[in-house]
Amino acid sequence: MGWQEDKNKLFVNPYTFIPLIDECVRQNYSELKLKEKFTGYIECELETKTPIFIPNTTSDKALDFAAKGRGKSYDFYSYTDLNNGQSKKEPEPIIPGSEIRGVIRSMYEALTQSCLSSINEDESFHKRSSVPGEPAIFYKHSDGKWYLEKADRYRVNTGLPKSKCKKVNNFDDFEEGQEVYFSHKGTCVLEINADKMSGENVKKGYIHKTNKFNKKHEAIFSPQKERNIIEKFNNEEALKMIDSLKQVISVYDNNIKKDDNGQQKEPSIYAKMRLGENDKILIYYNKRNVNGQTIYYLTPASISQEVFITKLSDILLYQGNYAPCQKKDCICSACSLFGMVSRRDALSSRLRFTDAVLEQKRNDYTALYNKPSVLNELSSPKPSATEFYLERPNGAELWNYDYAGKWIKINKQNVLKTSEDYIPKVKGRKFYWHNQDWRKNVHPLGCQKLNKLNAMVRPLNGGIIFSFKIFFDGITEDELKNLTWTLNLGSNDNDLCHKIGMGKPLGLGSIKLRVKEIKERKVCLTGGKIKRDVLPLNNIINENEIPSMISTTAYDYVKKVSSFNQAPKNISYPVGKDGKNREKVFLWFVGNRGGVGTPKIKYSLPHISDENQSLPSF
């Protein structure tokens, strides 16, 4: 289908990125020993600006009285164990200190040019390629080398009514990779037999089965008449390629539908692929130039996931060395204060966050809760959406974690010409826009069905005040100033807010933090007696002066994404429609790439500094 953009229906993506500025700022932890230290606590206030939701995970049927067994349901976090059903009295809502700590650490890292402490730097990226692969057979030759040999693909109709090929009834009798003989007419298979057949249009080939997701035909791979060896590989190279193929297969396995107990409903057909040294491995391949090195991507299907060789640690090394800290003698400001654990070293935190409790106790908490509601579907982060997660290289029409390039014509064929010096760059740290139009994403049960991608929840209303404390032990004046600035984002009275809990893309989770008082605890020995004093620290907060360790550039970005009143309008996930006018998020990305064959990415995620954050629908 042809994809038409709809500039009359604009949207702003729920999240943006604060760029990684210059270099990650680090120092030797021992240098802090030379500075004056403070011990005490900060009294804080937390106001919910929109409904927020943090689940009480003691029960996934907490609201079954409303959900009526149609799906999972969670109540707001409290100290009440809901495993035995909903309590008769509404529980007192609590905001866990661990949730607040996570929010503050992420913001502190962004403001102080600290490392990306929570990422998995060894994570492998994968992405569905829209460029069809070429059929090939990968096998170990008697000379000890591995051969990648071109193959012809013949189509097998196993029961598709609109196929131009005759139906073959016995395809399921054969195993993946099994050697067979078959007759054909053009590219259509007419008959398959395990025994040798004779005839003019009879060939030897190998059965290749694929997952049946809207697939038109099964396949038989047959070596070309004039043996066409694409490349030869030594054993080490081949095993790496097979390992990458296994990672692709595991991606498909992880996407297989699971039952309520988390078990796969059906086995993955790719898990049955023969991948041994004595097997004919039936694959599709794409050949790419990655930083001057030729890489072959092997996949089980023509249009398939690709697993990239570039890892996040590789990217961050070239992009300011923002990988998680590893040692105390080279540590960022956030890890120094909040603590860190690596394979090589560890450092304990000098902060402790208490749970946030209601500022005003009451006998009945019913009025604090929103009605049980079904949230719009939420999904896990999708780094495969490279048009959103990666910077767009100059002149590139297609880019990912390994290569970038543009389409050119060679012998009337479209060929992706890749850059030899491409270095991928991540957009930065992910933050969500505030969204006061959250009501469109929260529905009564009758208006939105429960399924496995959403849940019924009971959020806490906006306008509720909590209080909590942060205890600090042996921190410097600079660190204390950084921390208080991070808490209220410069002022108790501005509109700069944080996001917490579940449903942030839908508009839930906006909170304003205020620093009420900072107190220092002093212990001294006087006349042979221990004397303890708790004194206010009045010289720490200065709303007219940004602390020296906070990046002014980062703070400008933070002000834009954190403004509750100046947030963009029309915030939603990308919107794309199919031929039946059904809206799906993934269809926007299909339309933005122009479909299959020679995909060209038209729009990328606007930079956080762009005045216009809108994108058109497809």
Foldseek 3Di string as FASTA:
>chain_A
DFFDFDPVAWFFAQKAFQFQPAAQDWAFLVVLVVFDWFFFKFKKKKFFAFWFAFFPVLAQCQPCVQQVPQAGETEGDAPDRCVVYHDPADGFHWFFQVQVVVQLLLLLCLFQSAFPAPDDQQDWAKAFALAFFFKWWWAQDPVQKIWTWGWQKAWAACDDPPDPADHEPCLVVDAFQQKWKFFDDPRYTDYIGRDDDDDDRIAIWTWAAADPDVDGTGITIGADPPIGTPDIHHPVVLVVLVVQQVVQQVVVQVVADADPVRHHPDGGSVVRADDDNHGTGIWGWDWDAFLNDIDIFTYSGRRGMTIDPDGNCNQCVVVNVSHHDDDSRIGGPSCSACWHDDPHDTDHHQKDKHMWGFPDDDDHCVVQKDPWWKFDFDDDDRVNLVLAFWDDDPPFQDDDQGWTAAWDADPNATDTDTDNRDRIHTLHHMAGAAAPPLVVGIHRCVVDPDDPRIYTYITGGGGTMIMIMMTGDTDHLLSVLSSQCSQQVLAQPAQFWTATHPDSLSNHGTMGMHGDWIWTWDWDADPNDIDIDIGTDPPRRDSVDRRPSTDPSSSVLSCLRRRNVNTDPNHDQAWEADPVRDTDNVNQVCNQQRGHHRGGRDHGQDHSPDPDRMDTHD
